[in-house]
Amino acid sequence: MKIVGVAACTVGIAHTYIAQEKLENAAKKAGYDIVIETQGTIGIENELTAEQIAEADVVILAVDVKISGRERFDGKRMIQVPTEIAIKSPNKLIEKAAEIVEQSNQEAV
């Protein structure tokens, strides 16, 4: 499974990067590919490419603020949570993403 996402907290410093790290670690532990873009006080880092977004099975937005470029994910399966959820329960969030993808795949058959 391929996951892309954005992490952005209200201040754009600590929680943004903690959420990114937690999600990346949880996804890798589960055996999934993941790329998380951060949008913080120093701007956009690790910016997602159109190809990464197109290939993604699901999008995770761990955000506390309005993000730029949200329209890039239109039509994709998406989960949006506060950064706090990504920080406190990253494994459950990745499991939820996997459930959504599996459920969508079953409905498509």
Protein backbone atom coordinates (compact mmCIF):
# COMPACT_ATOMS: atom_id res chain seq x y z
CA MET A 1 0.00 0.00 0.00
CA LYS A 2 1.20 3.47 -0.81
CA ILE A 3 0.37 6.37 1.47
CA VAL A 4 0.96 10.08 1.02
CA GLY A 5 0.00 12.83 3.36
CA VAL A 6 0.53 16.22 4.85
CA ALA A 7 1.39 17.18 8.42
CA ALA A 8 0.75 20.73 9.58
CA CYS A 9 0.13 22.06 13.08
CA THR A 10 -1.03 25.48 14.20
CA VAL A 11 2.44 26.77 15.01
CA GLY A 12 4.14 24.79 12.26
CA ILE A 13 7.12 23.69 14.25
CA ALA A 14 7.17 20.75 16.63
CA HIS A 15 3.92 18.84 16.11
CA THR A 16 4.22 19.02 12.33
CA TYR A 17 7.50 17.13 12.35
CA ILE A 18 6.57 14.79 15.19
CA ALA A 19 3.42 13.77 13.31
CA GLN A 20 5.48 13.21 10.15
CA GLU A 21 7.98 11.01 11.97
CA LYS A 22 5.33 9.01 13.81
CA LEU A 23 3.36 8.33 10.63
CA GLU A 24 6.47 7.36 8.68
CA ASN A 25 7.63 4.99 11.40
CA ALA A 26 4.20 3.38 11.82
CA ALA A 27 3.75 2.88 8.07
CA LYS A 28 7.21 1.41 7.61
CA LYS A 29 6.62 -0.91 10.58
CA ALA A 30 3.44 -2.13 8.85
CA GLY A 31 5.32 -2.61 5.57
CA TYR A 32 3.79 0.28 3.63
CA ASP A 33 5.37 3.00 1.51
CA ILE A 34 4.74 6.47 2.86
CA VAL A 35 5.71 10.03 2.01
CA ILE A 36 4.61 12.86 4.27
CA GLU A 37 4.88 16.48 3.23
CA THR A 38 5.25 19.05 5.98
CA GLN A 39 3.78 22.51 5.89
CA GLY A 40 5.22 24.62 8.67
CA THR A 41 6.65 27.98 9.52
CA ILE A 42 9.58 27.42 7.19
CA GLY A 43 7.30 26.54 4.30
CA ILE A 44 6.63 23.29 2.49
CA GLU A 45 9.20 20.55 2.88
CA ASN A 46 9.33 17.13 1.28
CA GLU A 47 6.72 18.36 -1.23
CA LEU A 48 4.70 15.57 -2.78
CA THR A 49 4.99 15.09 -6.53
CA ALA A 50 1.98 14.62 -8.79
CA GLU A 51 3.24 11.09 -9.46
CA GLN A 52 3.42 10.22 -5.75
CA ILE A 53 -0.13 11.47 -5.26
CA ALA A 54 -1.42 9.62 -8.33
CA GLU A 55 0.12 6.34 -7.16
CA ALA A 56 -1.11 6.65 -3.57
CA ASP A 57 -3.83 4.34 -2.32
CA VAL A 58 -4.78 6.70 0.47
CA VAL A 59 -4.03 10.21 1.72
CA ILE A 60 -3.56 11.04 5.39
CA LEU A 61 -3.91 14.66 6.40
CA ALA A 62 -2.66 15.20 9.93
CA VAL A 63 -3.47 18.86 10.09
CA ASP A 64 -4.66 21.49 12.53
CA VAL A 65 -4.76 24.31 9.99
CA LYS A 66 -5.83 24.94 6.42
CA ILE A 67 -3.17 23.55 4.11
CA SER A 68 -2.13 24.75 0.71
CA GLY A 69 -2.64 22.48 -2.26
CA ARG A 70 -5.40 20.39 -0.73
CA GLU A 71 -7.08 20.19 -4.15
CA ARG A 72 -4.22 17.93 -5.27
CA PHE A 73 -5.93 15.13 -3.36
CA ASP A 74 -9.41 15.52 -4.88
CA GLY A 75 -10.81 12.12 -5.79
CA LYS A 76 -8.41 10.21 -3.53
CA ARG A 77 -9.36 8.20 -0.47
CA MET A 78 -8.59 10.53 2.39
CA ILE A 79 -8.37 10.55 6.17
CA GLN A 80 -8.11 13.84 7.99
CA VAL A 81 -7.22 14.00 11.66
CA PRO A 82 -5.62 16.51 14.02
CA THR A 83 -1.85 16.16 14.41
CA GLU A 84 -2.49 14.99 17.97
CA ILE A 85 -4.06 11.76 16.66
CA ALA A 86 -1.09 11.10 14.39
CA ILE A 87 1.27 11.68 17.28
CA LYS A 88 -0.60 9.66 19.91
CA SER A 89 -1.98 6.81 17.80
CA PRO A 90 0.03 6.49 14.59
CA ASN A 91 -0.33 2.71 14.38
CA LYS A 92 -4.11 2.88 14.69
CA LEU A 93 -4.22 5.60 12.05
CA ILE A 94 -2.22 3.47 9.63
CA GLU A 95 -4.51 0.51 10.39
CA LYS A 96 -7.52 2.71 9.64
CA ALA A 97 -5.95 3.76 6.34
CA ALA A 98 -5.43 0.10 5.42
CA GLU A 99 -9.07 -0.68 6.31
CA ILE A 100 -10.32 2.13 4.08
CA VAL A 101 -8.23 0.93 1.15
CA GLU A 102 -9.31 -2.68 1.66
CA GLN A 103 -12.97 -1.69 1.96
CA SER A 104 -12.76 0.44 -1.20
CA ASN A 105 -11.10 -2.39 -3.09
CA GLN A 106 -13.84 -4.82 -2.02
CA GLU A 107 -16.54 -2.40 -3.15
CA ALA A 108 -14.84 -2.02 -6.52
CA VAL A 109 -15.03 -5.78 -7.19
